[in-house]
Structures are given as C-alpha cells and as structure tokens.
Amino acid sequence: MPPGAGYASRRTDGLAIASLVIGIVSLVFSCFCLGIVLGPTAAIMGFISRQKINSSGGAVGGGTLALVGLILGILGFVASVGFALFWTFASQHSTPTR
C-alpha cells in the first residue's frame, strides 16, 4: 500500500478563496473607490467562510485565507473612503487658475 493512501486531504473553502481575491482587488483598486463596494463584500465573505470552517469540525480548510480576505476587505474599504474624502476636500479647496 503506498504511503498516504487511505485518506483525502482537506478541501479549501471556495468562499475563503473568493474573499481573498476580492479583498486583494478592493485594496488594489481603492484609488478608484471600488473598495467601498468590494471591501465589505470581501469582509462579509471572509466572516461567513470562517464560521463555516469552524463549524465543519476540520473537514474544510482555508481559515487563514478567509482571515486575510476579511482583513484586506476592511483595509480596502478604509483606503477607498480615505481616498474619497481626500478627493472631496482637495477638489473643494482647489483654486482655479485663470
């Protein structure tokens, strides 16, 4: 019998992977204010995925991916809001050149 035969490895939760990918996209495109929509999406997906992973009893993996997706989603949201506020205040206080 070959070594390792007899049991399968844990599968990674797809929602955790999606949370990570959307979190990265929300952080990268935060300068276009896409993080305002994508950030909370990644955070919610990461939170739900972590709950599913914890309740699976070890059958499903990817808790770290879900946590990183949750954190990146929050950071993307905060960066987008900060950029939007900066853009708003900068455009109000700029003087036109004539």
N, C-alpha and C. Protein backbone atom coordinates (compact mmCIF):
# COMPACT_ATOMS: atom_id res chain seq x y z
N MET A 1 0.84 -1.17 0.00
CA MET A 1 0.00 0.00 0.00
C MET A 1 0.90 1.25 0.00
N PRO A 2 0.70 2.19 -0.92
CA PRO A 2 1.53 3.39 -0.98
C PRO A 2 1.31 4.27 0.25
N PRO A 3 2.34 5.04 0.66
CA PRO A 3 2.18 5.90 1.83
C PRO A 3 1.18 7.01 1.55
N GLY A 4 0.37 7.30 2.52
CA GLY A 4 -0.61 8.37 2.39
C GLY A 4 -1.90 7.93 1.77
N ALA A 5 -1.99 6.69 1.36
CA ALA A 5 -3.24 6.24 0.76
C ALA A 5 -4.24 5.95 1.87
N GLY A 6 -5.46 6.22 1.61
CA GLY A 6 -6.49 5.88 2.57
C GLY A 6 -7.27 7.08 3.09
N TYR A 7 -6.70 8.26 3.01
CA TYR A 7 -7.47 9.42 3.43
C TYR A 7 -7.16 10.59 2.50
N ALA A 8 -8.15 11.43 2.35
CA ALA A 8 -8.02 12.58 1.45
C ALA A 8 -7.65 13.82 2.26
N SER A 9 -7.02 14.74 1.62
CA SER A 9 -6.68 15.99 2.30
C SER A 9 -7.93 16.86 2.42
N ARG A 10 -7.83 17.82 3.31
CA ARG A 10 -8.97 18.73 3.49
C ARG A 10 -9.12 19.60 2.26
N ARG A 11 -10.34 19.90 1.93
CA ARG A 11 -10.59 20.79 0.81
C ARG A 11 -10.65 22.22 1.33
N THR A 12 -10.25 23.14 0.50
CA THR A 12 -10.27 24.56 0.86
C THR A 12 -11.62 25.14 0.50
N ASP A 13 -12.17 25.90 1.41
CA ASP A 13 -13.48 26.51 1.18
C ASP A 13 -13.40 27.53 0.05
N GLY A 14 -14.29 27.42 -0.89
CA GLY A 14 -14.30 28.33 -2.03
C GLY A 14 -14.62 29.76 -1.66
N LEU A 15 -15.43 29.93 -0.62
CA LEU A 15 -15.77 31.27 -0.17
C LEU A 15 -14.55 31.98 0.42
N ALA A 16 -13.64 31.21 1.03
CA ALA A 16 -12.41 31.79 1.56
C ALA A 16 -11.52 32.28 0.42
N ILE A 17 -11.43 31.50 -0.63
CA ILE A 17 -10.62 31.91 -1.78
C ILE A 17 -11.23 33.15 -2.44
N ALA A 18 -12.54 33.17 -2.59
CA ALA A 18 -13.21 34.32 -3.18
C ALA A 18 -13.02 35.56 -2.32
N SER A 19 -13.07 35.40 -1.00
CA SER A 19 -12.86 36.52 -0.09
C SER A 19 -11.45 37.09 -0.25
N LEU A 20 -10.48 36.21 -0.38
CA LEU A 20 -9.09 36.66 -0.57
C LEU A 20 -8.93 37.42 -1.88
N VAL A 21 -9.46 36.88 -2.95
CA VAL A 21 -9.32 37.52 -4.27
C VAL A 21 -10.03 38.88 -4.29
N ILE A 22 -11.24 38.94 -3.77
CA ILE A 22 -11.99 40.20 -3.77
C ILE A 22 -11.33 41.21 -2.83
N GLY A 23 -10.76 40.73 -1.72
CA GLY A 23 -10.04 41.62 -0.82
C GLY A 23 -8.83 42.24 -1.48
N ILE A 24 -8.09 41.44 -2.24
CA ILE A 24 -6.93 41.97 -2.97
C ILE A 24 -7.37 42.99 -4.01
N VAL A 25 -8.42 42.68 -4.75
CA VAL A 25 -8.92 43.61 -5.77
C VAL A 25 -9.41 44.90 -5.14
N SER A 26 -10.09 44.81 -3.98
CA SER A 26 -10.59 46.02 -3.32
C SER A 26 -9.44 46.90 -2.85
N LEU A 27 -8.35 46.31 -2.42
CA LEU A 27 -7.21 47.09 -1.98
C LEU A 27 -6.46 47.71 -3.15
N VAL A 28 -6.30 46.94 -4.22
CA VAL A 28 -5.57 47.44 -5.40
C VAL A 28 -6.34 48.58 -6.07
N PHE A 29 -7.65 48.46 -6.17
CA PHE A 29 -8.45 49.47 -6.87
C PHE A 29 -9.13 50.43 -5.90
N SER A 30 -8.56 50.61 -4.72
CA SER A 30 -9.15 51.54 -3.76
C SER A 30 -9.03 52.99 -4.24
N CYS A 31 -8.05 53.28 -5.09
CA CYS A 31 -7.92 54.65 -5.59
C CYS A 31 -9.04 55.00 -6.58
N PHE A 32 -9.75 54.01 -7.07
CA PHE A 32 -10.91 54.25 -7.93
C PHE A 32 -12.21 54.11 -7.15
N CYS A 33 -12.11 54.05 -5.84
CA CYS A 33 -13.24 53.93 -4.91
C CYS A 33 -14.03 52.64 -5.10
N LEU A 34 -13.44 51.62 -5.70
CA LEU A 34 -14.12 50.33 -5.80
C LEU A 34 -14.11 49.58 -4.48
N GLY A 35 -13.22 49.96 -3.58
CA GLY A 35 -13.14 49.33 -2.28
C GLY A 35 -14.36 49.60 -1.42
N ILE A 36 -15.09 50.65 -1.73
CA ILE A 36 -16.30 50.96 -0.97
C ILE A 36 -17.33 49.86 -1.16
N VAL A 37 -17.37 49.25 -2.32
CA VAL A 37 -18.30 48.16 -2.58
C VAL A 37 -17.65 46.80 -2.34
N LEU A 38 -16.43 46.64 -2.84
CA LEU A 38 -15.77 45.33 -2.76
C LEU A 38 -15.23 45.01 -1.38
N GLY A 39 -14.84 46.02 -0.61
CA GLY A 39 -14.29 45.79 0.72
C GLY A 39 -15.27 45.10 1.65
N PRO A 40 -16.46 45.65 1.83
CA PRO A 40 -17.43 44.96 2.68
C PRO A 40 -17.83 43.58 2.15
N THR A 41 -17.84 43.44 0.83
CA THR A 41 -18.16 42.14 0.25
C THR A 41 -17.12 41.10 0.66
N ALA A 42 -15.85 41.46 0.55
CA ALA A 42 -14.78 40.55 0.95
C ALA A 42 -14.82 40.26 2.44
N ALA A 43 -15.10 41.28 3.24
CA ALA A 43 -15.14 41.10 4.69
C ALA A 43 -16.28 40.18 5.10
N ILE A 44 -17.44 40.36 4.51
CA ILE A 44 -18.59 39.52 4.84
C ILE A 44 -18.34 38.08 4.39
N MET A 45 -17.79 37.92 3.19
CA MET A 45 -17.50 36.57 2.70
C MET A 45 -16.46 35.89 3.58
N GLY A 46 -15.44 36.62 4.02
CA GLY A 46 -14.43 36.06 4.90
C GLY A 46 -15.01 35.67 6.24
N PHE A 47 -15.89 36.49 6.77
CA PHE A 47 -16.52 36.19 8.06
C PHE A 47 -17.39 34.94 7.97
N ILE A 48 -18.20 34.85 6.92
CA ILE A 48 -19.07 33.68 6.73
C ILE A 48 -18.23 32.42 6.51
N SER A 49 -17.16 32.56 5.73
CA SER A 49 -16.30 31.41 5.47
C SER A 49 -15.64 30.91 6.74
N ARG A 50 -15.17 31.84 7.59
CA ARG A 50 -14.56 31.41 8.86
C ARG A 50 -15.57 30.68 9.74
N GLN A 51 -16.81 31.12 9.74
CA GLN A 51 -17.84 30.43 10.52
C GLN A 51 -18.08 29.02 9.98
N LYS A 52 -18.13 28.90 8.64
CA LYS A 52 -18.32 27.57 8.04
C LYS A 52 -17.15 26.65 8.34
N ILE A 53 -15.94 27.18 8.28
CA ILE A 53 -14.75 26.37 8.53
C ILE A 53 -14.71 25.92 9.99
N ASN A 54 -15.04 26.82 10.91
CA ASN A 54 -15.03 26.46 12.32
C ASN A 54 -16.10 25.43 12.66
N SER A 55 -17.25 25.51 11.99
CA SER A 55 -18.32 24.57 12.29
C SER A 55 -18.18 23.24 11.54
N SER A 56 -17.21 23.13 10.63
CA SER A 56 -17.07 21.91 9.85
C SER A 56 -16.34 20.81 10.62
N GLY A 57 -15.74 21.14 11.73
CA GLY A 57 -15.03 20.14 12.51
C GLY A 57 -13.73 19.68 11.88
N GLY A 58 -13.10 20.50 11.09
CA GLY A 58 -11.82 20.15 10.48
C GLY A 58 -11.93 19.54 9.09
N ALA A 59 -13.14 19.40 8.58
CA ALA A 59 -13.31 18.80 7.25
C ALA A 59 -12.99 19.80 6.14
N VAL A 60 -13.12 21.09 6.45
CA VAL A 60 -12.89 22.14 5.44
C VAL A 60 -11.76 23.02 5.95
N GLY A 61 -10.83 23.37 5.07
CA GLY A 61 -9.71 24.23 5.42
C GLY A 61 -9.84 25.59 4.76
N GLY A 62 -8.87 26.44 5.02
CA GLY A 62 -8.83 27.77 4.40
C GLY A 62 -9.14 28.88 5.36
N GLY A 63 -9.00 28.63 6.66
CA GLY A 63 -9.29 29.66 7.65
C GLY A 63 -8.38 30.86 7.53
N THR A 64 -7.12 30.61 7.21
CA THR A 64 -6.17 31.72 7.05
C THR A 64 -6.50 32.55 5.83
N LEU A 65 -6.91 31.89 4.75
CA LEU A 65 -7.31 32.64 3.55
C LEU A 65 -8.51 33.53 3.84
N ALA A 66 -9.46 32.99 4.59
CA ALA A 66 -10.65 33.77 4.93
C ALA A 66 -10.29 34.96 5.81
N LEU A 67 -9.39 34.75 6.77
CA LEU A 67 -8.99 35.84 7.65
C LEU A 67 -8.25 36.94 6.88
N VAL A 68 -7.35 36.54 5.99
CA VAL A 68 -6.63 37.53 5.19
C VAL A 68 -7.59 38.27 4.26
N GLY A 69 -8.55 37.57 3.67
CA GLY A 69 -9.55 38.23 2.83
C GLY A 69 -10.38 39.22 3.62
N LEU A 70 -10.74 38.86 4.84
CA LEU A 70 -11.51 39.75 5.71
C LEU A 70 -10.70 41.01 6.02
N ILE A 71 -9.43 40.84 6.38
CA ILE A 71 -8.58 41.99 6.72
C ILE A 71 -8.34 42.87 5.49
N LEU A 72 -8.06 42.26 4.34
CA LEU A 72 -7.83 43.06 3.13
C LEU A 72 -9.10 43.79 2.71
N GLY A 73 -10.26 43.17 2.92
CA GLY A 73 -11.51 43.85 2.60
C GLY A 73 -11.72 45.08 3.46
N ILE A 74 -11.41 44.96 4.75
CA ILE A 74 -11.53 46.12 5.64
C ILE A 74 -10.54 47.21 5.25
N LEU A 75 -9.30 46.81 4.96
CA LEU A 75 -8.29 47.79 4.55
C LEU A 75 -8.66 48.46 3.22
N GLY A 76 -9.20 47.70 2.28
CA GLY A 76 -9.63 48.28 1.01
C GLY A 76 -10.76 49.27 1.18
N PHE A 77 -11.69 48.96 2.08
CA PHE A 77 -12.80 49.87 2.36
C PHE A 77 -12.28 51.16 2.99
N VAL A 78 -11.43 51.04 4.00
CA VAL A 78 -10.90 52.21 4.68
C VAL A 78 -10.07 53.07 3.72
N ALA A 79 -9.26 52.44 2.89
CA ALA A 79 -8.45 53.18 1.92
C ALA A 79 -9.33 53.90 0.91
N SER A 80 -10.40 53.26 0.46
CA SER A 80 -11.30 53.91 -0.51
C SER A 80 -12.03 55.09 0.10
N VAL A 81 -12.50 54.92 1.32
CA VAL A 81 -13.19 56.03 1.99
C VAL A 81 -12.21 57.19 2.22
N GLY A 82 -10.99 56.86 2.64
CA GLY A 82 -9.98 57.90 2.83
C GLY A 82 -9.65 58.61 1.54
N PHE A 83 -9.53 57.87 0.46
CA PHE A 83 -9.24 58.49 -0.83
C PHE A 83 -10.41 59.35 -1.29
N ALA A 84 -11.64 58.88 -1.08
CA ALA A 84 -12.81 59.67 -1.47
C ALA A 84 -12.90 60.96 -0.67
N LEU A 85 -12.62 60.89 0.64
CA LEU A 85 -12.63 62.10 1.44
C LEU A 85 -11.52 63.06 1.02
N PHE A 86 -10.34 62.53 0.76
CA PHE A 86 -9.24 63.37 0.29
C PHE A 86 -9.60 64.05 -1.02
N TRP A 87 -10.16 63.29 -1.95
CA TRP A 87 -10.53 63.83 -3.25
C TRP A 87 -11.59 64.92 -3.10
N THR A 88 -12.56 64.70 -2.20
CA THR A 88 -13.62 65.68 -1.98
C THR A 88 -13.06 66.98 -1.42
N PHE A 89 -12.24 66.86 -0.37
CA PHE A 89 -11.68 68.06 0.23
C PHE A 89 -10.69 68.76 -0.69
N ALA A 90 -9.92 68.01 -1.43
CA ALA A 90 -8.95 68.61 -2.35
C ALA A 90 -9.66 69.35 -3.48
N SER A 91 -10.77 68.81 -3.96
CA SER A 91 -11.48 69.49 -5.06
C SER A 91 -12.22 70.72 -4.56
N GLN A 92 -12.63 70.75 -3.28
CA GLN A 92 -13.31 71.92 -2.75
C GLN A 92 -12.35 73.06 -2.47
N HIS A 93 -11.12 72.75 -2.10
CA HIS A 93 -10.17 73.77 -1.72
C HIS A 93 -9.18 74.13 -2.82
N SER A 94 -9.41 73.63 -4.00
CA SER A 94 -8.51 74.00 -5.09
C SER A 94 -8.97 75.30 -5.71
N THR A 95 -8.03 76.11 -6.12
CA THR A 95 -8.38 77.38 -6.74
C THR A 95 -8.15 77.25 -8.24
N PRO A 96 -9.13 77.66 -9.01
CA PRO A 96 -8.95 77.58 -10.47
C PRO A 96 -7.98 78.65 -10.93
N THR A 97 -7.20 78.31 -11.91
CA THR A 97 -6.24 79.27 -12.48
C THR A 97 -6.84 79.88 -13.72
N ARG A 98 -6.85 81.21 -13.76
CA ARG A 98 -7.41 81.92 -14.91
C ARG A 98 -6.40 82.86 -15.47
